[in-house]
Amino acid sequence: MESSRHDLVILVNLQKIYNQIASAIAQRQTPPPEVQRLQEENRTRELELEEIERQVAEHEEELREVHKKEKEWQIELEHFQGQKAIVTNEREFTAVISEIDYATKALTEASERRAELEAAIEQSAAEMESRRQARPEEEAAQKDVVDAWHARKTDLLTEVHELSIEAKKLEEQLHPKNRSSFLRLLKSKHGTAVSPVVDKSCSVCHFSIRPHLRQRVRRCEEIITCEHCHRILYFEETINVEPSEATTV
């Protein structure tokens, strides 16, 4: 009986240590709000810069097409201007003038679009340069926050290492059968192998514990598991009291 109480006390303490380990690992894997905010701001800036670069690429592609059309319409205009000098009748003259007007309009539109694209590209280039120049200042402002987070991650890693050593020492004090059962449950039950009885139920799966089984759990004379989830059960208020007091608590 004493060995069961001894092991149960260790199992409860082990569960608490493994809870601390899980919490430290979770904290290490989850940046604090201020770091998450900086990460989100950085992602937003990167996306905005990528969007500007994409727009510039599209504008440059269109600009190449506009340049091509400009040359084509310029050649077309010069051709019809040359034709105007050799027309022989009014009908031909009217047709040439119409072609000249059309080519002139198309050339003007192409020239105006070229100017718009060049201005847009220039503005976008200035915006990208401004953002790139601002990066060192932004990174300097973020450095303290990021450095503090990296230091905290190092502390958490040290905490996990120290807790793991403490857990191994406690595990060595367990009866091999109980140690094996605990570690198996710890793995299969997502890190929670031991559960206190609260309000007459297993506090993890909330399965109601039968009265006579609760009494056996309360006495701490054997390792009792939940009939539903099979986790090791205990009463928080009796686990650390003397055996003679356990049944009266």
Protein backbone atom coordinates (compact mmCIF):
# COMPACT_ATOMS: atom_id res chain seq x y z
CA MET A 1 0.00 0.00 0.00
CA GLU A 2 2.77 2.40 0.91
CA SER A 3 4.52 1.70 -2.37
CA SER A 4 1.28 2.54 -4.22
CA ARG A 5 0.88 5.81 -2.35
CA HIS A 6 4.55 6.58 -2.96
CA ASP A 7 4.19 5.93 -6.68
CA LEU A 8 0.90 7.84 -6.91
CA VAL A 9 2.48 10.91 -5.33
CA ILE A 10 5.34 10.70 -7.83
CA LEU A 11 2.92 10.19 -10.73
CA VAL A 12 0.98 13.30 -9.75
CA ASN A 13 4.19 15.31 -9.50
CA LEU A 14 5.41 13.88 -12.79
CA GLN A 15 2.21 14.95 -14.51
CA LYS A 16 2.67 18.47 -13.18
CA ILE A 17 6.24 18.52 -14.49
CA TYR A 18 5.16 17.26 -17.90
CA ASN A 19 2.44 19.93 -17.93
CA GLN A 20 5.15 22.52 -17.29
CA ILE A 21 7.27 21.05 -20.08
CA ALA A 22 4.32 21.16 -22.50
CA SER A 23 3.57 24.75 -21.49
CA ALA A 24 7.19 25.82 -21.99
CA ILE A 25 7.34 24.13 -25.40
CA ALA A 26 4.06 25.78 -26.43
CA GLN A 27 5.35 29.17 -25.31
CA ARG A 28 8.58 28.64 -27.22
CA GLN A 29 6.66 27.76 -30.38
CA THR A 30 4.26 30.70 -30.05
CA PRO A 31 5.75 34.19 -30.34
CA PRO A 32 4.34 36.75 -27.87
CA PRO A 33 1.77 39.29 -29.16
CA GLU A 34 4.34 42.03 -29.75
CA VAL A 35 6.48 39.70 -31.89
CA GLN A 36 3.42 38.38 -33.74
CA ARG A 37 2.43 41.98 -34.46
CA LEU A 38 5.89 42.74 -35.87
CA GLN A 39 5.82 39.55 -37.93
CA GLU A 40 2.41 40.48 -39.33
CA GLU A 41 3.58 44.02 -40.09
CA ASN A 42 6.65 42.61 -41.87
CA ARG A 43 4.50 40.19 -43.87
CA THR A 44 2.17 43.03 -44.83
CA ARG A 45 5.09 45.20 -45.95
CA GLU A 46 6.55 42.33 -47.97
CA LEU A 47 3.20 41.69 -49.64
CA GLU A 48 2.79 45.37 -50.42
CA LEU A 49 6.29 45.50 -51.91
CA GLU A 50 5.61 42.37 -53.96
CA GLU A 51 2.39 43.97 -55.24
CA ILE A 52 4.26 47.12 -56.28
CA GLU A 53 6.89 45.00 -58.04
CA ARG A 54 4.15 43.04 -59.80
CA GLN A 55 2.50 46.26 -60.98
CA VAL A 56 5.84 47.58 -62.22
CA ALA A 57 6.43 44.37 -64.16
CA GLU A 58 2.96 44.66 -65.73
CA HIS A 59 3.54 48.32 -66.59
CA GLU A 60 6.93 47.56 -68.14
CA GLU A 61 5.41 44.79 -70.23
CA GLU A 62 2.65 47.11 -71.42
CA LEU A 63 5.19 49.88 -72.03
CA ARG A 64 7.09 47.61 -74.42
CA GLU A 65 3.87 46.99 -76.32
CA VAL A 66 3.04 50.71 -76.39
CA HIS A 67 6.52 51.54 -77.70
CA LYS A 68 5.99 48.99 -80.45
CA LYS A 69 2.59 50.44 -81.36
CA GLU A 70 4.01 53.98 -81.27
CA LYS A 71 6.64 53.03 -83.85
CA GLU A 72 4.07 51.23 -85.98
CA TRP A 73 1.69 54.21 -85.97
CA GLN A 74 4.56 56.60 -86.63
CA ILE A 75 5.51 54.58 -89.70
CA GLU A 76 1.86 54.42 -90.72
CA LEU A 77 1.50 58.19 -90.35
CA GLU A 78 4.63 58.92 -92.35
CA HIS A 79 3.39 56.55 -95.05
CA PHE A 80 0.06 58.32 -95.48
CA GLN A 81 1.67 61.75 -95.23
CA GLY A 82 3.81 60.66 -98.17
CA GLN A 83 0.74 59.39 -99.99
CA LYS A 84 -0.98 62.77 -99.60
CA ALA A 85 1.55 64.37 -101.93
CA ILE A 86 0.83 61.97 -104.78
CA VAL A 87 -2.95 61.59 -104.72
CA THR A 88 -4.62 62.38 -108.04
CA ASN A 89 -8.20 63.11 -107.09
CA GLU A 90 -10.41 64.36 -104.27
CA ARG A 91 -11.67 60.88 -103.31
CA GLU A 92 -8.13 59.61 -102.80
CA PHE A 93 -7.22 62.81 -100.94
CA THR A 94 -10.18 62.38 -98.58
CA ALA A 95 -9.27 58.76 -97.94
CA VAL A 96 -5.63 59.66 -97.19
CA ILE A 97 -6.64 62.49 -94.85
CA SER A 98 -8.94 60.08 -93.00
CA GLU A 99 -6.08 57.61 -92.60
CA ILE A 100 -3.76 60.40 -91.43
CA ASP A 101 -6.31 61.53 -88.84
CA TYR A 102 -6.80 57.98 -87.59
CA ALA A 103 -3.05 57.32 -87.38
CA THR A 104 -2.47 60.68 -85.69
CA LYS A 105 -5.14 59.92 -83.09
CA ALA A 106 -3.76 56.42 -82.46
CA LEU A 107 -0.23 57.75 -82.19
CA THR A 108 -1.33 60.45 -79.75
CA GLU A 109 -3.16 57.88 -77.60
CA ALA A 110 -0.12 55.60 -77.61
CA SER A 111 2.16 58.52 -76.68
CA GLU A 112 -0.15 59.57 -73.85
CA ARG A 113 -0.36 56.00 -72.54
CA ARG A 114 3.43 55.72 -72.74
CA ALA A 115 3.76 58.88 -70.65
CA GLU A 116 1.27 57.50 -68.09
CA LEU A 117 3.13 54.21 -67.84
CA GLU A 118 6.52 55.88 -67.51
CA ALA A 119 5.17 58.12 -64.75
CA ALA A 120 3.62 55.15 -62.94
CA ILE A 121 6.84 53.14 -63.19
CA GLU A 122 8.86 56.10 -61.92
CA GLN A 123 6.48 56.60 -59.01
CA SER A 124 6.53 52.91 -58.12
CA ALA A 125 10.33 52.81 -58.31
CA ALA A 126 10.50 55.78 -55.93
CA GLU A 127 8.06 54.05 -53.58
CA MET A 128 10.10 50.82 -53.57
CA GLU A 129 13.32 52.74 -52.95
CA SER A 130 11.70 54.65 -50.09
CA ARG A 131 10.51 51.41 -48.50
CA ARG A 132 13.94 49.80 -48.87
CA GLN A 133 15.65 52.79 -47.29
CA ALA A 134 13.20 52.65 -44.38
CA ARG A 135 13.95 48.96 -43.65
CA PRO A 136 17.14 49.53 -41.59
CA GLU A 137 15.30 51.96 -39.31
CA GLU A 138 12.36 49.58 -38.95
CA GLU A 139 14.66 46.67 -38.19
CA ALA A 140 16.54 48.72 -35.60
CA ALA A 141 13.25 49.60 -33.90
CA GLN A 142 12.28 45.92 -33.84
CA LYS A 143 15.65 44.64 -32.64
CA ASP A 144 14.99 44.99 -28.89
CA VAL A 145 11.67 43.15 -29.14
CA VAL A 146 13.11 40.37 -31.29
CA ASP A 147 16.23 40.02 -29.12
CA ALA A 148 14.06 39.74 -26.00
CA TRP A 149 12.01 37.00 -27.68
CA HIS A 150 15.14 35.05 -28.66
CA ALA A 151 16.43 35.36 -25.08
CA ARG A 152 13.09 34.11 -23.77
CA LYS A 153 13.23 31.15 -26.18
CA THR A 154 16.67 30.27 -24.84
CA ASP A 155 15.37 30.46 -21.25
CA LEU A 156 12.42 28.24 -22.15
CA LEU A 157 14.74 25.69 -23.75
CA THR A 158 16.83 25.62 -20.59
CA GLU A 159 13.63 25.24 -18.52
CA VAL A 160 12.52 22.27 -20.64
CA HIS A 161 15.94 20.66 -20.26
CA GLU A 162 15.96 21.09 -16.47
CA LEU A 163 12.37 19.85 -16.11
CA SER A 164 13.18 16.82 -18.25
CA ILE A 165 16.09 15.93 -15.97
CA GLU A 166 13.82 16.31 -12.93
CA ALA A 167 11.19 14.10 -14.58
CA LYS A 168 13.71 11.36 -15.36
CA LYS A 169 14.88 11.33 -11.74
CA LEU A 170 11.31 10.91 -10.51
CA GLU A 171 10.59 8.21 -13.09
CA GLU A 172 13.52 6.20 -11.74
CA GLN A 173 11.79 6.08 -8.34
CA LEU A 174 8.67 4.43 -9.76
CA HIS A 175 7.91 0.75 -9.87
CA PRO A 176 8.75 -0.34 -13.45
CA LYS A 177 5.15 -1.37 -14.14
CA ASN A 178 3.77 1.99 -13.00
CA ARG A 179 6.47 3.89 -14.88
CA SER A 180 5.69 1.97 -18.06
CA SER A 181 1.94 2.56 -17.71
CA PHE A 182 2.44 6.26 -17.05
CA LEU A 183 4.70 6.79 -20.06
CA ARG A 184 2.35 4.81 -22.29
CA LEU A 185 -0.62 6.90 -21.15
CA LEU A 186 1.36 10.09 -21.50
CA LYS A 187 1.94 9.28 -25.16
CA SER A 188 -1.52 7.93 -26.00
CA LYS A 189 -3.48 10.56 -24.04
CA HIS A 190 -1.84 13.61 -25.58
CA GLY A 191 0.34 14.46 -22.59
CA THR A 192 -2.18 13.90 -19.78
CA ALA A 193 -1.79 10.55 -18.03
CA VAL A 194 -3.03 11.53 -14.57
CA SER A 195 -6.36 13.15 -13.72
CA PRO A 196 -7.75 14.47 -10.42
CA VAL A 197 -11.27 13.51 -9.42
CA VAL A 198 -13.42 16.64 -9.29
CA ASP A 199 -17.13 16.68 -8.46
CA LYS A 200 -17.18 12.86 -8.42
CA SER A 201 -15.90 12.66 -12.01
CA CYS A 202 -12.65 12.33 -13.91
CA SER A 203 -11.68 15.95 -14.51
CA VAL A 204 -10.35 15.18 -18.01
CA CYS A 205 -13.07 13.05 -19.64
CA HIS A 206 -15.81 13.97 -17.06
CA PHE A 207 -16.86 10.34 -16.67
CA SER A 208 -18.64 9.78 -13.36
CA ILE A 209 -16.63 7.68 -10.91
CA ARG A 210 -18.65 5.06 -9.02
CA PRO A 211 -18.82 5.61 -5.20
CA HIS A 212 -16.87 2.51 -4.22
CA LEU A 213 -14.19 3.33 -6.79
CA ARG A 214 -13.94 6.87 -5.45
CA GLN A 215 -13.30 5.44 -2.00
CA ARG A 216 -10.49 3.29 -3.36
CA VAL A 217 -9.00 6.31 -5.10
CA ARG A 218 -9.33 8.34 -1.90
CA ARG A 219 -7.45 5.75 0.15
CA CYS A 220 -4.40 5.93 -2.17
CA GLU A 221 -3.66 2.26 -1.52
CA GLU A 222 -3.55 1.24 -5.18
CA ILE A 223 -3.29 2.76 -8.62
CA ILE A 224 -6.85 3.25 -9.92
CA THR A 225 -7.63 4.31 -13.46
CA CYS A 226 -10.71 5.93 -14.97
CA GLU A 227 -13.09 3.33 -16.39
CA HIS A 228 -13.65 5.49 -19.45
CA CYS A 229 -10.37 7.19 -20.44
CA HIS A 230 -8.04 4.93 -18.38
CA ARG A 231 -6.08 7.84 -16.92
CA ILE A 232 -4.68 7.43 -13.41
CA LEU A 233 -7.05 8.97 -10.85
CA TYR A 234 -6.36 10.77 -7.58
CA PHE A 235 -7.94 13.21 -5.15
CA GLU A 236 -6.00 16.44 -4.86
CA GLU A 237 -7.00 16.85 -1.21
CA THR A 238 -5.82 13.39 -0.12
CA ILE A 239 -2.73 12.72 -2.20
CA ASN A 240 -0.32 14.35 0.26
CA VAL A 241 -1.97 13.49 3.59
CA GLU A 242 -0.95 10.66 5.87
CA PRO A 243 -2.52 7.25 5.09
CA SER A 244 -4.46 7.25 8.36
CA GLU A 245 -6.05 10.57 7.48
CA ALA A 246 -6.85 9.81 3.84
CA THR A 247 -10.11 7.92 4.42
CA THR A 248 -11.52 10.68 6.66
CA VAL A 249 -10.82 13.57 4.29
